[in-house]
C-alpha atoms as a PDB file:
ATOM      1  CA  MET A   1       5.290  -9.600  -7.157  1.00  0.00           C
ATOM      2  CA  LEU A   2       3.226  -6.127  -6.901  1.00  0.00           C
ATOM      3  CA  TRP A   3       1.616  -4.801 -10.093  1.00  0.00           C
ATOM      4  CA  MET A   4      -0.263  -1.556  -7.947  1.00  0.00           C
ATOM      5  CA  LEU A   5      -1.178   1.402  -9.907  1.00  0.00           C
ATOM      6  CA  ASN A   6       0.082   3.972  -7.412  1.00  0.00           C
ATOM      7  CA  SER A   7       2.189   4.256  -4.767  1.00  0.00           C
ATOM      8  CA  PHE A   8       4.043   6.859  -2.361  1.00  0.00           C
ATOM      9  CA  THR A   9       7.513   7.865  -1.669  1.00  0.00           C
ATOM     10  CA  ALA A  10       7.419   9.900   1.005  1.00  0.00           C
ATOM     11  CA  HIS A  11      11.141  11.719   2.341  1.00  0.00           C
ATOM     12  CA  ALA A  12      10.776  11.833   6.108  1.00  0.00           C
ATOM     13  CA  GLY A  13      13.705  13.672   7.013  1.00  0.00           C
ATOM     14  CA  PHE A  14      17.137  13.900   6.125  1.00  0.00           C
ATOM     15  CA  GLY A  15      20.412  15.967   7.088  1.00  0.00           C
ATOM     16  CA  SER A  16      20.038  18.277   9.646  1.00  0.00           C
ATOM     17  CA  ASP A  17      16.589  16.845   9.650  1.00  0.00           C
ATOM     18  CA  ALA A  18      17.708  13.286  10.342  1.00  0.00           C
ATOM     19  CA  VAL A  19      14.883  11.253  12.227  1.00  0.00           C
ATOM     20  CA  ASP A  20      15.093  10.372  16.010  1.00  0.00           C
ATOM     21  CA  TYR A  21      14.575   6.504  15.711  1.00  0.00           C
ATOM     22  CA  VAL A  22      11.996   5.804  17.848  1.00  0.00           C
ATOM     23  CA  GLN A  23       9.712   8.748  16.431  1.00  0.00           C
ATOM     24  CA  GLY A  24      10.792   7.054  12.728  1.00  0.00           C
ATOM     25  CA  TRP A  25       9.207   3.967  14.336  1.00  0.00           C
ATOM     26  CA  ASP A  26       6.095   5.322  15.961  1.00  0.00           C
ATOM     27  CA  THR A  27       5.335   6.825  11.916  1.00  0.00           C
ATOM     28  CA  GLN A  28       6.038   4.106  10.396  1.00  0.00           C
ATOM     29  CA  ARG A  29       3.349   2.125  13.123  1.00  0.00           C
ATOM     30  CA  ALA A  30       0.904   4.652  12.368  1.00  0.00           C
ATOM     31  CA  VAL A  31       1.164   4.207   8.455  1.00  0.00           C
ATOM     32  CA  HIS A  32       1.568   0.623   8.828  1.00  0.00           C
ATOM     33  CA  GLY A  33      -1.760   0.584  10.546  1.00  0.00           C
ATOM     34  CA  ARG A  34      -3.326   2.883   8.136  1.00  0.00           C
ATOM     35  CA  ARG A  35      -2.434   0.617   5.392  1.00  0.00           C
ATOM     36  CA  ILE A  36      -3.802  -2.437   7.003  1.00  0.00           C
ATOM     37  CA  SER A  37      -7.023  -0.469   6.997  1.00  0.00           C
ATOM     38  CA  GLY A  38      -7.109   0.876   3.479  1.00  0.00           C
ATOM     39  CA  GLU A  39      -6.671   4.372   4.670  1.00  0.00           C
ATOM     40  CA  VAL A  40      -3.257   4.891   2.489  1.00  0.00           C
ATOM     41  CA  PRO A  41      -1.856   3.028  -0.359  1.00  0.00           C
ATOM     42  CA  ASP A  42       1.449   1.275  -0.693  1.00  0.00           C
ATOM     43  CA  SER A  43       4.019   3.847   0.279  1.00  0.00           C
ATOM     44  CA  CYS A  44       7.550   3.947   1.751  1.00  0.00           C
ATOM     45  CA  LEU A  45       9.631   6.616   3.899  1.00  0.00           C
ATOM     46  CA  LEU A  46      12.817   7.409   3.068  1.00  0.00           C
ATOM     47  CA  LEU A  47      14.974   9.275   5.584  1.00  0.00           C
ATOM     48  CA  GLU A  48      18.628   9.316   7.245  1.00  0.00           C
ATOM     49  CA  HIS A  49      18.410   8.770  11.105  1.00  0.00           C
ATOM     50  CA  MET A  50      20.521  10.194  13.981  1.00  0.00           C
ATOM     51  CA  PRO A  51      22.622   7.696  14.955  1.00  0.00           C
ATOM     52  CA  VAL A  52      21.673   4.712  16.445  1.00  0.00           C
ATOM     53  CA  TYR A  53      22.095   0.908  17.290  1.00  0.00           C
ATOM     54  CA  THR A  54      19.227  -1.750  16.568  1.00  0.00           C
ATOM     55  CA  ALA A  55      18.879  -5.219  17.808  1.00  0.00           C
ATOM     56  CA  GLY A  56      16.332  -7.404  16.062  1.00  0.00           C
ATOM     57  CA  LYS A  57      15.214 -10.909  17.769  1.00  0.00           C
ATOM     58  CA  ARG A  58      17.919 -12.830  16.689  1.00  0.00           C
ATOM     59  CA  THR A  59      20.394 -10.346  18.440  1.00  0.00           C
ATOM     60  CA  ALA A  60      23.217 -12.188  20.691  1.00  0.00           C
ATOM     61  CA  VAL A  61      24.798 -10.418  24.209  1.00  0.00           C
ATOM     62  CA  SER A  62      28.097 -10.789  22.296  1.00  0.00           C
ATOM     63  CA  ASP A  63      27.202  -9.236  19.252  1.00  0.00           C
ATOM     64  CA  ARG A  64      26.049  -6.067  21.013  1.00  0.00           C
ATOM     65  CA  PRO A  65      28.382  -2.959  21.964  1.00  0.00           C
ATOM     66  CA  PHE A  66      30.064  -3.106  25.056  1.00  0.00           C
ATOM     67  CA  GLY A  67      30.549   0.177  27.452  1.00  0.00           C
ATOM     68  CA  ASP A  68      28.800   3.118  26.075  1.00  0.00           C
ATOM     69  CA  PRO A  69      29.018   2.827  22.269  1.00  0.00           C
ATOM     70  CA  GLY A  70      28.066   6.780  21.774  1.00  0.00           C
ATOM     71  CA  ALA A  71      24.594   5.586  20.515  1.00  0.00           C
ATOM     72  CA  PRO A  72      21.249   4.452  21.836  1.00  0.00           C
ATOM     73  CA  VAL A  73      20.718   0.761  21.557  1.00  0.00           C
ATOM     74  CA  ILE A  74      17.260   0.044  20.845  1.00  0.00           C
ATOM     75  CA  ASP A  75      15.195  -3.324  20.843  1.00  0.00           C
ATOM     76  CA  VAL A  76      13.198  -3.733  17.636  1.00  0.00           C
ATOM     77  CA  ASP A  77      10.847  -6.143  16.194  1.00  0.00           C
ATOM     78  CA  ARG A  78      11.938  -6.884  13.292  1.00  0.00           C
ATOM     79  CA  GLY A  79      14.107 -10.296  12.036  1.00  0.00           C
ATOM     80  CA  GLY A  80      17.721 -10.316  11.847  1.00  0.00           C
ATOM     81  CA  LYS A  81      20.248  -9.303  14.556  1.00  0.00           C
ATOM     82  CA  ILE A  82      21.802  -5.988  15.676  1.00  0.00           C
ATOM     83  CA  THR A  83      22.952  -2.828  12.831  1.00  0.00           C
ATOM     84  CA  TRP A  84      23.526   0.890  13.036  1.00  0.00           C
ATOM     85  CA  HIS A  85      21.765   3.427  11.426  1.00  0.00           C
ATOM     86  CA  GLY A  86      22.715   7.243  11.090  1.00  0.00           C
ATOM     87  CA  PRO A  87      23.928  10.144   8.894  1.00  0.00           C
ATOM     88  CA  GLY A  88      25.607   9.122   5.323  1.00  0.00           C
ATOM     89  CA  GLN A  89      22.884   5.973   5.362  1.00  0.00           C
ATOM     90  CA  LEU A  90      19.794   5.802   3.282  1.00  0.00           C
ATOM     91  CA  THR A  91      17.129   4.130   5.058  1.00  0.00           C
ATOM     92  CA  ALA A  92      13.776   2.616   3.339  1.00  0.00           C
ATOM     93  CA  TYR A  93      10.853   1.790   4.807  1.00  0.00           C
ATOM     94  CA  PRO A  94       8.613   0.098   2.418  1.00  0.00           C
ATOM     95  CA  ILE A  95       4.785  -0.106   3.825  1.00  0.00           C
ATOM     96  CA  ILE A  96       2.911  -2.022   1.631  1.00  0.00           C
ATOM     97  CA  LYS A  97       0.518  -5.317   1.511  1.00  0.00           C
ATOM     98  CA  LEU A  98       1.957  -8.461   0.233  1.00  0.00           C
ATOM     99  CA  GLY A  99      -0.015 -10.475  -2.643  1.00  0.00           C
ATOM    100  CA  GLU A 100      -1.381 -13.686  -1.323  1.00  0.00           C
ATOM    101  CA  PRO A 101       0.150 -16.157  -0.716  1.00  0.00           C
ATOM    102  CA  VAL A 102       2.707 -13.785   1.069  1.00  0.00           C
ATOM    103  CA  ASP A 103       5.930 -14.775   0.028  1.00  0.00           C
ATOM    104  CA  VAL A 104       8.338 -13.150   2.411  1.00  0.00           C
ATOM    105  CA  VAL A 105      11.448 -14.696   0.689  1.00  0.00           C
ATOM    106  CA  ALA A 106      10.626 -12.437  -2.741  1.00  0.00           C
ATOM    107  CA  TYR A 107       9.585  -9.498  -1.248  1.00  0.00           C
ATOM    108  CA  VAL A 108      13.729  -9.685   0.899  1.00  0.00           C
ATOM    109  CA  ARG A 109      14.991 -10.574  -2.989  1.00  0.00           C
ATOM    110  CA  ALA A 110      13.039  -7.822  -4.443  1.00  0.00           C
ATOM    111  CA  LEU A 111      15.022  -5.248  -1.703  1.00  0.00           C
ATOM    112  CA  GLU A 112      18.417  -6.922  -2.092  1.00  0.00           C
ATOM    113  CA  GLU A 113      17.700  -6.464  -6.043  1.00  0.00           C
ATOM    114  CA  SER A 114      17.141  -2.488  -6.047  1.00  0.00           C
ATOM    115  CA  MET A 115      20.512  -2.008  -3.919  1.00  0.00           C
ATOM    116  CA  ILE A 116      21.952  -4.370  -6.598  1.00  0.00           C
ATOM    117  CA  ARG A 117      20.977  -1.612  -9.395  1.00  0.00           C
ATOM    118  CA  VAL A 118      21.996   1.320  -7.578  1.00  0.00           C
ATOM    119  CA  CYS A 119      25.770  -0.372  -6.667  1.00  0.00           C
ATOM    120  CA  ALA A 120      25.746  -0.712 -10.688  1.00  0.00           C
ATOM    121  CA  GLU A 121      25.106   2.747 -11.266  1.00  0.00           C
ATOM    122  CA  PHE A 122      28.401   3.458  -9.385  1.00  0.00           C
ATOM    123  CA  GLY A 123      30.177   0.810 -11.499  1.00  0.00           C
ATOM    124  CA  LEU A 124      29.944  -1.474  -8.472  1.00  0.00           C
ATOM    125  CA  GLN A 125      28.976  -4.935  -8.789  1.00  0.00           C
ATOM    126  CA  ALA A 126      26.980  -6.155  -6.077  1.00  0.00           C
ATOM    127  CA  VAL A 127      25.835  -9.830  -5.328  1.00  0.00           C
ATOM    128  CA  ARG A 128      23.951 -12.106  -3.423  1.00  0.00           C
ATOM    129  CA  VAL A 129      25.690 -14.037  -0.709  1.00  0.00           C
ATOM    130  CA  ASP A 130      24.112 -17.471   0.272  1.00  0.00           C
ATOM    131  CA  GLY A 131      22.625 -17.569   3.749  1.00  0.00           C
ATOM    132  CA  ARG A 132      23.222 -14.254   4.472  1.00  0.00           C
ATOM    133  CA  SER A 133      20.778 -11.087   3.415  1.00  0.00           C
ATOM    134  CA  GLY A 134      21.498  -7.970   2.231  1.00  0.00           C
ATOM    135  CA  THR A 135      23.686  -6.822  -0.535  1.00  0.00           C
ATOM    136  CA  TRP A 136      27.567  -7.469  -0.822  1.00  0.00           C
ATOM    137  CA  LEU A 137      30.507  -6.594  -2.794  1.00  0.00           C
ATOM    138  CA  PRO A 138      32.424 -10.001  -3.343  1.00  0.00           C
ATOM    139  CA  ALA A 139      35.869 -10.680  -1.476  1.00  0.00           C
ATOM    140  CA  SER A 140      38.735  -9.369  -3.227  1.00  0.00           C
ATOM    141  CA  PRO A 141      41.657 -12.007  -2.186  1.00  0.00           C
ATOM    142  CA  ALA A 142      44.272  -9.591  -4.438  1.00  0.00           C
ATOM    143  CA  ARG A 143      43.250  -6.475  -2.131  1.00  0.00           C
ATOM    144  CA  GLY A 144      42.994  -8.023   1.046  1.00  0.00           C
ATOM    145  CA  LEU A 145      39.264  -7.850   1.439  1.00  0.00           C
ATOM    146  CA  PRO A 146      36.890 -10.063   2.686  1.00  0.00           C
ATOM    147  CA  GLU A 147      33.012 -10.002   1.324  1.00  0.00           C
ATOM    148  CA  ARG A 148      31.442  -6.428   2.466  1.00  0.00           C
ATOM    149  CA  LYS A 149      28.048  -5.877   3.205  1.00  0.00           C
ATOM    150  CA  VAL A 150      27.091  -2.375   1.679  1.00  0.00           C
ATOM    151  CA  GLY A 151      23.340  -2.764   2.141  1.00  0.00           C
ATOM    152  CA  ALA A 152      21.502  -4.280   4.897  1.00  0.00           C
ATOM    153  CA  ILE A 153      17.832  -5.614   5.022  1.00  0.00           C
ATOM    154  CA  GLY A 154      15.880  -6.249   8.561  1.00  0.00           C
ATOM    155  CA  ALA A 155      11.473  -6.795   7.639  1.00  0.00           C
ATOM    156  CA  ARG A 156       8.780  -7.802   9.229  1.00  0.00           C
ATOM    157  CA  VAL A 157       5.340  -8.646   7.723  1.00  0.00           C
ATOM    158  CA  ALA A 158       2.365  -8.101  10.466  1.00  0.00           C
ATOM    159  CA  ARG A 159      -1.106  -8.914   8.725  1.00  0.00           C
ATOM    160  CA  GLY A 160       0.152  -8.664   5.210  1.00  0.00           C
ATOM    161  CA  VAL A 161       1.760  -5.801   5.284  1.00  0.00           C
ATOM    162  CA  THR A 162       5.579  -4.667   5.504  1.00  0.00           C
ATOM    163  CA  MET A 163       7.597  -2.883   7.865  1.00  0.00           C
ATOM    164  CA  HIS A 164      11.441  -1.854   8.784  1.00  0.00           C
ATOM    165  CA  GLY A 165      13.376  -2.793   5.419  1.00  0.00           C
ATOM    166  CA  LEU A 166      16.467  -1.734   4.036  1.00  0.00           C
ATOM    167  CA  ALA A 167      19.911   0.438   4.630  1.00  0.00           C
ATOM    168  CA  LEU A 168      22.367   1.325   2.140  1.00  0.00           C
ATOM    169  CA  ASN A 169      25.485   2.792   3.299  1.00  0.00           C
ATOM    170  CA  CYS A 170      26.449   5.637   0.894  1.00  0.00           C
ATOM    171  CA  ASP A 171      29.363   7.620   3.016  1.00  0.00           C
ATOM    172  CA  CYS A 172      28.724   7.051   6.573  1.00  0.00           C
ATOM    173  CA  ASP A 173      31.341   6.673   9.248  1.00  0.00           C
ATOM    174  CA  LEU A 174      32.283   2.810   8.939  1.00  0.00           C
ATOM    175  CA  SER A 175      33.913   3.170  12.541  1.00  0.00           C
ATOM    176  CA  TRP A 176      30.309   2.878  14.123  1.00  0.00           C
ATOM    177  CA  PHE A 177      30.188  -0.986  13.124  1.00  0.00           C
ATOM    178  CA  ASP A 178      33.520  -1.329  14.746  1.00  0.00           C
ATOM    179  CA  ARG A 179      31.692  -1.402  18.210  1.00  0.00           C
ATOM    180  CA  ILE A 180      29.095  -4.162  17.452  1.00  0.00           C
ATOM    181  CA  VAL A 181      28.900  -7.151  15.391  1.00  0.00           C
ATOM    182  CA  PRO A 182      26.839  -6.312  12.175  1.00  0.00           C
ATOM    183  CA  CYS A 183      24.093  -8.822  11.798  1.00  0.00           C
ATOM    184  CA  GLY A 184      26.174 -10.975  13.744  1.00  0.00           C
ATOM    185  CA  ILE A 185      28.595 -11.897  11.046  1.00  0.00           C
ATOM    186  CA  ARG A 186      32.352 -12.219  12.260  1.00  0.00           C
ATOM    187  CA  ASP A 187      33.916 -13.103   9.135  1.00  0.00           C
ATOM    188  CA  ALA A 188      32.915 -10.411   6.819  1.00  0.00           C
ATOM    189  CA  GLY A 189      33.050  -6.600   6.703  1.00  0.00           C
ATOM    190  CA  VAL A 190      31.077  -3.422   5.988  1.00  0.00           C
ATOM    191  CA  THR A 191      31.663  -1.178   3.512  1.00  0.00           C
ATOM    192  CA  SER A 192      29.748   2.198   1.615  1.00  0.00           C
ATOM    193  CA  LEU A 193      29.609   3.523  -1.888  1.00  0.00           C
ATOM    194  CA  THR A 194      31.990   6.168  -0.961  1.00  0.00           C
ATOM    195  CA  ALA A 195      34.469   3.524   0.468  1.00  0.00           C
ATOM    196  CA  GLU A 196      34.326   1.432  -2.640  1.00  0.00           C
ATOM    197  CA  THR A 197      34.038   4.458  -5.698  1.00  0.00           C
ATOM    198  CA  GLY A 198      36.824   6.439  -3.972  1.00  0.00           C
ATOM    199  CA  ILE A 199      34.606   9.580  -4.697  1.00  0.00           C
ATOM    200  CA  PRO A 200      31.952  11.168  -2.309  1.00  0.00           C
ATOM    201  CA  VAL A 201      28.465   9.245  -2.741  1.00  0.00           C
ATOM    202  CA  SER A 202      26.330  11.336  -0.799  1.00  0.00           C
ATOM    203  CA  VAL A 203      22.237  10.057   0.514  1.00  0.00           C
ATOM    204  CA  SER A 204      21.148  13.160  -2.207  1.00  0.00           C
ATOM    205  CA  ASP A 205      23.078  11.267  -4.685  1.00  0.00           C
ATOM    206  CA  VAL A 206      21.441   7.934  -4.119  1.00  0.00           C
ATOM    207  CA  THR A 207      18.111   8.638  -2.914  1.00  0.00           C
ATOM    208  CA  PRO A 208      16.414   9.254  -6.469  1.00  0.00           C
ATOM    209  CA  LEU A 209      18.053   6.269  -7.714  1.00  0.00           C
ATOM    210  CA  LEU A 210      16.872   4.431  -4.836  1.00  0.00           C
ATOM    211  CA  GLU A 211      13.481   5.415  -5.384  1.00  0.00           C
ATOM    212  CA  ARG A 212      13.189   4.563  -9.104  1.00  0.00           C
ATOM    213  CA  HIS A 213      15.268   0.572  -8.628  1.00  0.00           C
ATOM    214  CA  LEU A 214      12.788   0.288  -5.701  1.00  0.00           C
ATOM    215  CA  ALA A 215       9.643   1.002  -7.224  1.00  0.00           C
ATOM    216  CA  ALA A 216      11.003  -1.091 -10.123  1.00  0.00           C
ATOM    217  CA  ALA A 217      11.883  -4.217  -8.244  1.00  0.00           C
ATOM    218  CA  LEU A 218       8.574  -4.285  -6.524  1.00  0.00           C
ATOM    219  CA  GLY A 219       6.645  -4.173  -9.716  1.00  0.00           C
ATOM    220  CA  TYR A 220       5.407  -0.770  -9.554  1.00  0.00           C
ATOM    221  CA  ARG A 221       4.412   0.859 -12.922  1.00  0.00           C
ATOM    222  CA  THR A 222       3.913   4.192 -11.255  1.00  0.00           C
ATOM    223  CA  TRP A 223       4.321   6.296  -7.776  1.00  0.00           C
ATOM    224  CA  ARG A 224       4.680   9.329  -6.637  1.00  0.00           C
ATOM    225  CA  ARG A 225       7.019  11.509  -4.435  1.00  0.00           C
ATOM    226  CA  ILE A 226       5.897  13.000  -1.591  1.00  0.00           C
ATOM    227  CA  HIS A 227       8.147  15.593   0.815  1.00  0.00           C
ATOM    228  CA  THR A 228       6.306  15.095   4.055  1.00  0.00           C
ATOM    229  CA  VAL A 229       4.667  12.155   5.578  1.00  0.00           C
ATOM    230  CA  THR A 230       1.960  14.527   6.862  1.00  0.00           C
ATOM    231  CA  PRO A 231      -0.339  12.847   3.577  1.00  0.00           C
ATOM    232  CA  LEU A 232       0.054   9.098   5.197  1.00  0.00           C
ATOM    233  CA  LEU A 233      -0.835  10.113   8.549  1.00  0.00           C
ATOM    234  CA  ALA A 234      -3.588  12.959   8.351  1.00  0.00           C
ATOM    235  CA  SER A 235      -5.628  11.847   5.170  1.00  0.00           C
ATOM    236  CA  ALA A 236      -7.228   9.230   3.524  1.00  0.00           C
ATOM    237  CA  ALA A 237      -6.202   7.950   0.123  1.00  0.00           C
END
């Protein structure tokens, strides 16, 4: 994987400063372009979104919400199907240059690994599920619970540089997912760290953990946190 000397995590907006999805997408594209040209180092945007449904390239009509879902539905250029972003969910957009030869599967596995490690911090044994991306809690027949997705992944690689990324459910309102078929999966559930642990687990609780575990899973030895995306947009590294 990657062994870079430096990278950035940029806090792009949380809570009352949650980021409009289109605004965040524009920021991603701007940083992505600057990473391709070498103006900025590998970076990761961390944020919460205002409520939104995003539909990847493989989204079927039957996966989409019917009627007014209470939030915009935006078609995006990532892989995967439809999902929800919003308050109580920590979203991470790594914008990094992959090594040659580009190994997208290894990259996705690193994103999954970072969320698995975060779950372990809360005493949860999250796993991968064959044939399904993301991070899952195993089925619990004794509790009548199916496999439940706690973290979703939808990535894109253009000119060797990644976009989009992962979303980890911390303490979000899970009823948003009832209006769609999340990630096109009909035989499993969606959960959150709060729902699984029985204690409030906020985005602010999880953010420093995900920063650390994501950097480690991607192979970074050092990284630096910045509290605005401005340096990534306005000045060369």
